[in-house]
Amino acid sequence: MPPLDQIMAMLDALEAKLPDLLAAYPSHGDFWMAFAGEADAIEDQAGEHVGVVNQRINAMLAQHGRYIAAGEIDDAG
């Protein structure tokens, strides 16, 4: 797992690239596929920092009017 500052640098790069992704993929489905490919790579490396990573990803998307649907997972089963 990379240190938090390296993960934050990857998030900074993704945030800087977000306007280009939105322009390159005007279709919602195409955008989400492209974005998820990049975001998932960061999340996979986040380890214990996954909460911070998810908050940052949600915030950067919200700035562009995009939102990830979230729901509670019941793992008490």
PDB file of N, CA and C in Angstrom:
ATOM      1  N   MET A   1       0.845  -1.176   0.000  1.00  0.00           N
ATOM      2  CA  MET A   1       0.000   0.000   0.000  1.00  0.00           C
ATOM      3  C   MET A   1       0.893   1.242   0.000  1.00  0.00           C
ATOM      4  N   PRO A   2       0.655   2.144  -0.942  1.00  0.00           N
ATOM      5  CA  PRO A   2       1.437   3.386  -0.982  1.00  0.00           C
ATOM      6  C   PRO A   2       1.089   4.278   0.221  1.00  0.00           C
ATOM      7  N   PRO A   3       1.995   5.178   0.587  1.00  0.00           N
ATOM      8  CA  PRO A   3       1.680   6.112   1.671  1.00  0.00           C
ATOM      9  C   PRO A   3       0.562   7.066   1.254  1.00  0.00           C
ATOM     10  N   LEU A   4      -0.094   7.655   2.251  1.00  0.00           N
ATOM     11  CA  LEU A   4      -1.238   8.525   1.987  1.00  0.00           C
ATOM     12  C   LEU A   4      -0.892   9.671   1.047  1.00  0.00           C
ATOM     13  N   ASP A   5       0.290  10.254   1.170  1.00  0.00           N
ATOM     14  CA  ASP A   5       0.632  11.377   0.286  1.00  0.00           C
ATOM     15  C   ASP A   5       0.710  10.941  -1.175  1.00  0.00           C
ATOM     16  N   GLN A   6       1.123   9.723  -1.421  1.00  0.00           N
ATOM     17  CA  GLN A   6       1.163   9.215  -2.797  1.00  0.00           C
ATOM     18  C   GLN A   6      -0.261   8.957  -3.314  1.00  0.00           C
ATOM     19  N   ILE A   7      -1.115   8.436  -2.452  1.00  0.00           N
ATOM     20  CA  ILE A   7      -2.512   8.223  -2.835  1.00  0.00           C
ATOM     21  C   ILE A   7      -3.181   9.556  -3.134  1.00  0.00           C
ATOM     22  N   MET A   8      -2.910  10.566  -2.301  1.00  0.00           N
ATOM     23  CA  MET A   8      -3.485  11.890  -2.535  1.00  0.00           C
ATOM     24  C   MET A   8      -2.984  12.477  -3.852  1.00  0.00           C
ATOM     25  N   ALA A   9      -1.729  12.225  -4.193  1.00  0.00           N
ATOM     26  CA  ALA A   9      -1.200  12.703  -5.467  1.00  0.00           C
ATOM     27  C   ALA A   9      -1.921  12.024  -6.637  1.00  0.00           C
ATOM     28  N   MET A  10      -2.236  10.740  -6.493  1.00  0.00           N
ATOM     29  CA  MET A  10      -2.993  10.040  -7.545  1.00  0.00           C
ATOM     30  C   MET A  10      -4.395  10.635  -7.667  1.00  0.00           C
ATOM     31  N   LEU A  11      -5.005  10.982  -6.529  1.00  0.00           N
ATOM     32  CA  LEU A  11      -6.326  11.611  -6.559  1.00  0.00           C
ATOM     33  C   LEU A  11      -6.263  13.000  -7.182  1.00  0.00           C
ATOM     34  N   ASP A  12      -5.211  13.746  -6.891  1.00  0.00           N
ATOM     35  CA  ASP A  12      -5.020  15.063  -7.510  1.00  0.00           C
ATOM     36  C   ASP A  12      -4.949  14.929  -9.029  1.00  0.00           C
ATOM     37  N   ALA A  13      -4.220  13.923  -9.487  1.00  0.00           N
ATOM     38  CA  ALA A  13      -4.076  13.708 -10.933  1.00  0.00           C
ATOM     39  C   ALA A  13      -5.417  13.324 -11.550  1.00  0.00           C
ATOM     40  N   LEU A  14      -6.173  12.478 -10.874  1.00  0.00           N
ATOM     41  CA  LEU A  14      -7.490  12.094 -11.382  1.00  0.00           C
ATOM     42  C   LEU A  14      -8.412  13.298 -11.425  1.00  0.00           C
ATOM     43  N   GLU A  15      -8.378  14.128 -10.389  1.00  0.00           N
ATOM     44  CA  GLU A  15      -9.227  15.321 -10.365  1.00  0.00           C
ATOM     45  C   GLU A  15      -8.862  16.276 -11.493  1.00  0.00           C
ATOM     46  N   ALA A  16      -7.578  16.433 -11.766  1.00  0.00           N
ATOM     47  CA  ALA A  16      -7.132  17.303 -12.861  1.00  0.00           C
ATOM     48  C   ALA A  16      -7.579  16.759 -14.215  1.00  0.00           C
ATOM     49  N   LYS A  17      -7.675  15.445 -14.310  1.00  0.00           N
ATOM     50  CA  LYS A  17      -8.056  14.795 -15.567  1.00  0.00           C
ATOM     51  C   LYS A  17      -9.577  14.738 -15.768  1.00  0.00           C
ATOM     52  N   LEU A  18     -10.337  14.969 -14.717  1.00  0.00           N
ATOM     53  CA  LEU A  18     -11.790  14.808 -14.774  1.00  0.00           C
ATOM     54  C   LEU A  18     -12.460  15.648 -15.865  1.00  0.00           C
ATOM     55  N   PRO A  19     -12.129  16.923 -16.033  1.00  0.00           N
ATOM     56  CA  PRO A  19     -12.762  17.678 -17.123  1.00  0.00           C
ATOM     57  C   PRO A  19     -12.502  17.062 -18.501  1.00  0.00           C
ATOM     58  N   ASP A  20     -11.304  16.539 -18.705  1.00  0.00           N
ATOM     59  CA  ASP A  20     -10.984  15.899 -19.985  1.00  0.00           C
ATOM     60  C   ASP A  20     -11.802  14.617 -20.180  1.00  0.00           C
ATOM     61  N   LEU A  21     -11.978  13.848 -19.109  1.00  0.00           N
ATOM     62  CA  LEU A  21     -12.799  12.632 -19.199  1.00  0.00           C
ATOM     63  C   LEU A  21     -14.248  12.974 -19.535  1.00  0.00           C
ATOM     64  N   LEU A  22     -14.766  14.019 -18.896  1.00  0.00           N
ATOM     65  CA  LEU A  22     -16.143  14.436 -19.172  1.00  0.00           C
ATOM     66  C   LEU A  22     -16.305  14.874 -20.622  1.00  0.00           C
ATOM     67  N   ALA A  23     -15.313  15.579 -21.144  1.00  0.00           N
ATOM     68  CA  ALA A  23     -15.375  16.030 -22.538  1.00  0.00           C
ATOM     69  C   ALA A  23     -15.204  14.872 -23.514  1.00  0.00           C
ATOM     70  N   ALA A  24     -14.326  13.940 -23.177  1.00  0.00           N
ATOM     71  CA  ALA A  24     -14.044  12.818 -24.072  1.00  0.00           C
ATOM     72  C   ALA A  24     -15.159  11.790 -24.087  1.00  0.00           C
ATOM     73  N   TYR A  25     -15.919  11.701 -22.994  1.00  0.00           N
ATOM     74  CA  TYR A  25     -16.981  10.697 -22.863  1.00  0.00           C
ATOM     75  C   TYR A  25     -18.293  11.369 -22.480  1.00  0.00           C
ATOM     76  N   PRO A  26     -18.948  12.037 -23.447  1.00  0.00           N
ATOM     77  CA  PRO A  26     -20.200  12.745 -23.128  1.00  0.00           C
ATOM     78  C   PRO A  26     -21.344  11.800 -22.736  1.00  0.00           C
ATOM     79  N   SER A  27     -21.307  10.573 -23.176  1.00  0.00           N
ATOM     80  CA  SER A  27     -22.319   9.593 -22.783  1.00  0.00           C
ATOM     81  C   SER A  27     -22.058   9.185 -21.338  1.00  0.00           C
ATOM     82  N   HIS A  28     -23.128   9.206 -20.511  1.00  0.00           N
ATOM     83  CA  HIS A  28     -22.962   8.849 -19.102  1.00  0.00           C
ATOM     84  C   HIS A  28     -22.315   7.476 -18.930  1.00  0.00           C
ATOM     85  N   GLY A  29     -22.780   6.507 -19.676  1.00  0.00           N
ATOM     86  CA  GLY A  29     -22.246   5.153 -19.544  1.00  0.00           C
ATOM     87  C   GLY A  29     -20.773   5.076 -19.882  1.00  0.00           C
ATOM     88  N   ASP A  30     -20.383   5.730 -20.954  1.00  0.00           N
ATOM     89  CA  ASP A  30     -18.977   5.728 -21.354  1.00  0.00           C
ATOM     90  C   ASP A  30     -18.116   6.460 -20.329  1.00  0.00           C
ATOM     91  N   PHE A  31     -18.638   7.582 -19.821  1.00  0.00           N
ATOM     92  CA  PHE A  31     -17.892   8.322 -18.805  1.00  0.00           C
ATOM     93  C   PHE A  31     -17.655   7.449 -17.579  1.00  0.00           C
ATOM     94  N   TRP A  32     -18.720   6.808 -17.086  1.00  0.00           N
ATOM     95  CA  TRP A  32     -18.580   6.026 -15.859  1.00  0.00           C
ATOM     96  C   TRP A  32     -17.613   4.860 -16.035  1.00  0.00           C
ATOM     97  N   MET A  33     -17.608   4.258 -17.200  1.00  0.00           N
ATOM     98  CA  MET A  33     -16.661   3.165 -17.448  1.00  0.00           C
ATOM     99  C   MET A  33     -15.222   3.679 -17.406  1.00  0.00           C
ATOM    100  N   ALA A  34     -14.983   4.809 -18.063  1.00  0.00           N
ATOM    101  CA  ALA A  34     -13.631   5.379 -18.090  1.00  0.00           C
ATOM    102  C   ALA A  34     -13.209   5.850 -16.704  1.00  0.00           C
ATOM    103  N   PHE A  35     -14.102   6.544 -16.018  1.00  0.00           N
ATOM    104  CA  PHE A  35     -13.768   7.061 -14.693  1.00  0.00           C
ATOM    105  C   PHE A  35     -13.543   5.929 -13.701  1.00  0.00           C
ATOM    106  N   ALA A  36     -14.419   4.944 -13.724  1.00  0.00           N
ATOM    107  CA  ALA A  36     -14.307   3.825 -12.781  1.00  0.00           C
ATOM    108  C   ALA A  36     -12.992   3.081 -12.965  1.00  0.00           C
ATOM    109  N   GLY A  37     -12.558   2.934 -14.190  1.00  0.00           N
ATOM    110  CA  GLY A  37     -11.279   2.263 -14.428  1.00  0.00           C
ATOM    111  C   GLY A  37     -10.136   2.957 -13.720  1.00  0.00           C
ATOM    112  N   GLU A  38     -10.152   4.281 -13.726  1.00  0.00           N
ATOM    113  CA  GLU A  38      -9.083   5.046 -13.072  1.00  0.00           C
ATOM    114  C   GLU A  38      -9.277   5.098 -11.560  1.00  0.00           C
ATOM    115  N   ALA A  39     -10.506   5.343 -11.125  1.00  0.00           N
ATOM    116  CA  ALA A  39     -10.780   5.453  -9.689  1.00  0.00           C
ATOM    117  C   ALA A  39     -10.580   4.116  -8.982  1.00  0.00           C
ATOM    118  N   ASP A  40     -10.985   3.035  -9.613  1.00  0.00           N
ATOM    119  CA  ASP A  40     -10.834   1.714  -9.005  1.00  0.00           C
ATOM    120  C   ASP A  40      -9.370   1.375  -8.757  1.00  0.00           C
ATOM    121  N   ALA A  41      -8.495   1.791  -9.665  1.00  0.00           N
ATOM    122  CA  ALA A  41      -7.072   1.525  -9.497  1.00  0.00           C
ATOM    123  C   ALA A  41      -6.534   2.216  -8.239  1.00  0.00           C
ATOM    124  N   ILE A  42      -7.050   3.401  -7.957  1.00  0.00           N
ATOM    125  CA  ILE A  42      -6.630   4.121  -6.747  1.00  0.00           C
ATOM    126  C   ILE A  42      -7.245   3.459  -5.512  1.00  0.00           C
ATOM    127  N   GLU A  43      -8.533   3.157  -5.583  1.00  0.00           N
ATOM    128  CA  GLU A  43      -9.206   2.512  -4.449  1.00  0.00           C
ATOM    129  C   GLU A  43      -8.559   1.185  -4.091  1.00  0.00           C
ATOM    130  N   ASP A  44      -8.132   0.435  -5.089  1.00  0.00           N
ATOM    131  CA  ASP A  44      -7.499  -0.862  -4.840  1.00  0.00           C
ATOM    132  C   ASP A  44      -6.204  -0.733  -4.043  1.00  0.00           C
ATOM    133  N   GLN A  45      -5.546   0.414  -4.149  1.00  0.00           N
ATOM    134  CA  GLN A  45      -4.285   0.639  -3.445  1.00  0.00           C
ATOM    135  C   GLN A  45      -4.461   1.372  -2.116  1.00  0.00           C
ATOM    136  N   ALA A  46      -5.687   1.813  -1.822  1.00  0.00           N
ATOM    137  CA  ALA A  46      -5.925   2.706  -0.689  1.00  0.00           C
ATOM    138  C   ALA A  46      -5.778   2.041   0.672  1.00  0.00           C
ATOM    139  N   GLY A  47      -6.040   0.741   0.752  1.00  0.00           N
ATOM    140  CA  GLY A  47      -5.925   0.049   2.033  1.00  0.00           C
ATOM    141  C   GLY A  47      -6.763   0.720   3.102  1.00  0.00           C
ATOM    142  N   GLU A  48      -6.127   1.055   4.209  1.00  0.00           N
ATOM    143  CA  GLU A  48      -6.832   1.659   5.335  1.00  0.00           C
ATOM    144  C   GLU A  48      -7.334   3.069   5.044  1.00  0.00           C
ATOM    145  N   HIS A  49      -6.903   3.653   3.936  1.00  0.00           N
ATOM    146  CA  HIS A  49      -7.304   5.012   3.568  1.00  0.00           C
ATOM    147  C   HIS A  49      -8.498   5.030   2.612  1.00  0.00           C
ATOM    148  N   VAL A  50      -9.163   3.909   2.428  1.00  0.00           N
ATOM    149  CA  VAL A  50     -10.243   3.817   1.447  1.00  0.00           C
ATOM    150  C   VAL A  50     -11.370   4.805   1.746  1.00  0.00           C
ATOM    151  N   GLY A  51     -11.654   5.073   3.004  1.00  0.00           N
ATOM    152  CA  GLY A  51     -12.699   6.034   3.349  1.00  0.00           C
ATOM    153  C   GLY A  51     -12.366   7.427   2.862  1.00  0.00           C
ATOM    154  N   VAL A  52     -11.120   7.847   3.068  1.00  0.00           N
ATOM    155  CA  VAL A  52     -10.662   9.156   2.605  1.00  0.00           C
ATOM    156  C   VAL A  52     -10.717   9.221   1.079  1.00  0.00           C
ATOM    157  N   VAL A  53     -10.298   8.149   0.435  1.00  0.00           N
ATOM    158  CA  VAL A  53     -10.299   8.091  -1.028  1.00  0.00           C
ATOM    159  C   VAL A  53     -11.727   8.212  -1.555  1.00  0.00           C
ATOM    160  N   ASN A  54     -12.646   7.466  -0.979  1.00  0.00           N
ATOM    161  CA  ASN A  54     -14.038   7.521  -1.442  1.00  0.00           C
ATOM    162  C   ASN A  54     -14.650   8.902  -1.237  1.00  0.00           C
ATOM    163  N   GLN A  55     -14.359   9.533  -0.109  1.00  0.00           N
ATOM    164  CA  GLN A  55     -14.870  10.889   0.135  1.00  0.00           C
ATOM    165  C   GLN A  55     -14.321  11.866  -0.898  1.00  0.00           C
ATOM    166  N   ARG A  56     -13.055  11.738  -1.189  1.00  0.00           N
ATOM    167  CA  ARG A  56     -12.426  12.648  -2.159  1.00  0.00           C
ATOM    168  C   ARG A  56     -12.996  12.435  -3.561  1.00  0.00           C
ATOM    169  N   ILE A  57     -13.185  11.184  -3.945  1.00  0.00           N
ATOM    170  CA  ILE A  57     -13.751  10.881  -5.260  1.00  0.00           C
ATOM    171  C   ILE A  57     -15.170  11.431  -5.348  1.00  0.00           C
ATOM    172  N   ASN A  58     -15.967  11.229  -4.313  1.00  0.00           N
ATOM    173  CA  ASN A  58     -17.337  11.751  -4.315  1.00  0.00           C
ATOM    174  C   ASN A  58     -17.345  13.268  -4.414  1.00  0.00           C
ATOM    175  N   ALA A  59     -16.431  13.938  -3.704  1.00  0.00           N
ATOM    176  CA  ALA A  59     -16.364  15.400  -3.735  1.00  0.00           C
ATOM    177  C   ALA A  59     -15.975  15.909  -5.120  1.00  0.00           C
ATOM    178  N   MET A  60     -14.981  15.260  -5.748  1.00  0.00           N
ATOM    179  CA  MET A  60     -14.566  15.741  -7.072  1.00  0.00           C
ATOM    180  C   MET A  60     -15.662  15.533  -8.109  1.00  0.00           C
ATOM    181  N   LEU A  61     -16.388  14.431  -8.000  1.00  0.00           N
ATOM    182  CA  LEU A  61     -17.497  14.188  -8.922  1.00  0.00           C
ATOM    183  C   LEU A  61     -18.623  15.189  -8.702  1.00  0.00           C
ATOM    184  N   ALA A  62     -18.934  15.482  -7.443  1.00  0.00           N
ATOM    185  CA  ALA A  62     -20.014  16.412  -7.123  1.00  0.00           C
ATOM    186  C   ALA A  62     -19.751  17.794  -7.713  1.00  0.00           C
ATOM    187  N   GLN A  63     -18.479  18.198  -7.769  1.00  0.00           N
ATOM    188  CA  GLN A  63     -18.134  19.498  -8.355  1.00  0.00           C
ATOM    189  C   GLN A  63     -18.518  19.575  -9.829  1.00  0.00           C
ATOM    190  N   HIS A  64     -18.682  18.409 -10.452  1.00  0.00           N
ATOM    191  CA  HIS A  64     -19.038  18.351 -11.873  1.00  0.00           C
ATOM    192  C   HIS A  64     -20.451  17.809 -12.081  1.00  0.00           C
ATOM    193  N   GLY A  65     -21.234  17.800 -11.011  1.00  0.00           N
ATOM    194  CA  GLY A  65     -22.625  17.362 -11.117  1.00  0.00           C
ATOM    195  C   GLY A  65     -22.800  15.872 -11.306  1.00  0.00           C
ATOM    196  N   ARG A  66     -21.822  15.092 -10.923  1.00  0.00           N
ATOM    197  CA  ARG A  66     -21.910  13.629 -11.031  1.00  0.00           C
ATOM    198  C   ARG A  66     -21.899  13.051  -9.626  1.00  0.00           C
ATOM    199  N   TYR A  67     -22.687  12.023  -9.441  1.00  0.00           N
ATOM    200  CA  TYR A  67     -22.804  11.428  -8.112  1.00  0.00           C
ATOM    201  C   TYR A  67     -22.803   9.914  -8.218  1.00  0.00           C
ATOM    202  N   ILE A  68     -22.194   9.284  -7.228  1.00  0.00           N
ATOM    203  CA  ILE A  68     -22.206   7.823  -7.141  1.00  0.00           C
ATOM    204  C   ILE A  68     -23.347   7.448  -6.228  1.00  0.00           C
ATOM    205  N   ALA A  69     -24.216   6.573  -6.707  1.00  0.00           N
ATOM    206  CA  ALA A  69     -25.303   6.091  -5.868  1.00  0.00           C
ATOM    207  C   ALA A  69     -24.700   5.208  -4.780  1.00  0.00           C
ATOM    208  N   ALA A  70     -25.116   5.451  -3.562  1.00  0.00           N
ATOM    209  CA  ALA A  70     -24.586   4.685  -2.441  1.00  0.00           C
ATOM    210  C   ALA A  70     -25.739   4.141  -1.628  1.00  0.00           C
ATOM    211  N   GLY A  71     -25.525   2.990  -1.094  1.00  0.00           N
ATOM    212  CA  GLY A  71     -26.535   2.405  -0.226  1.00  0.00           C
ATOM    213  C   GLY A  71     -25.850   1.673   0.889  1.00  0.00           C
ATOM    214  N   GLU A  72     -26.582   1.453   1.941  1.00  0.00           N
ATOM    215  CA  GLU A  72     -26.040   0.707   3.065  1.00  0.00           C
ATOM    216  C   GLU A  72     -26.007  -0.767   2.735  1.00  0.00           C
ATOM    217  N   ILE A  73     -24.952  -1.397   3.159  1.00  0.00           N
ATOM    218  CA  ILE A  73     -24.833  -2.838   2.949  1.00  0.00           C
ATOM    219  C   ILE A  73     -25.051  -3.516   4.286  1.00  0.00           C
ATOM    220  N   ASP A  74     -25.963  -4.450   4.293  1.00  0.00           N
ATOM    221  CA  ASP A  74     -26.246  -5.180   5.518  1.00  0.00           C
ATOM    222  C   ASP A  74     -25.403  -6.446   5.518  1.00  0.00           C
ATOM    223  N   ASP A  75     -24.299  -6.401   6.293  1.00  0.00           N
ATOM    224  CA  ASP A  75     -23.438  -7.589   6.322  1.00  0.00           C
ATOM    225  C   ASP A  75     -23.594  -8.328   7.651  1.00  0.00           C
ATOM    226  N   ALA A  76     -24.724  -8.143   8.295  1.00  0.00           N
ATOM    227  CA  ALA A  76     -24.980  -8.829   9.561  1.00  0.00           C
ATOM    228  C   ALA A  76     -25.369 -10.269   9.352  1.00  0.00           C
ATOM    229  N   GLY A  77     -25.700 -10.638   8.098  1.00  0.00           N
ATOM    230  CA  GLY A  77     -26.221 -11.918   7.718  1.00  0.00           C
ATOM    231  C   GLY A  77     -25.505 -13.070   8.179  1.00  0.00           C
TER     232      GLY A  77
END
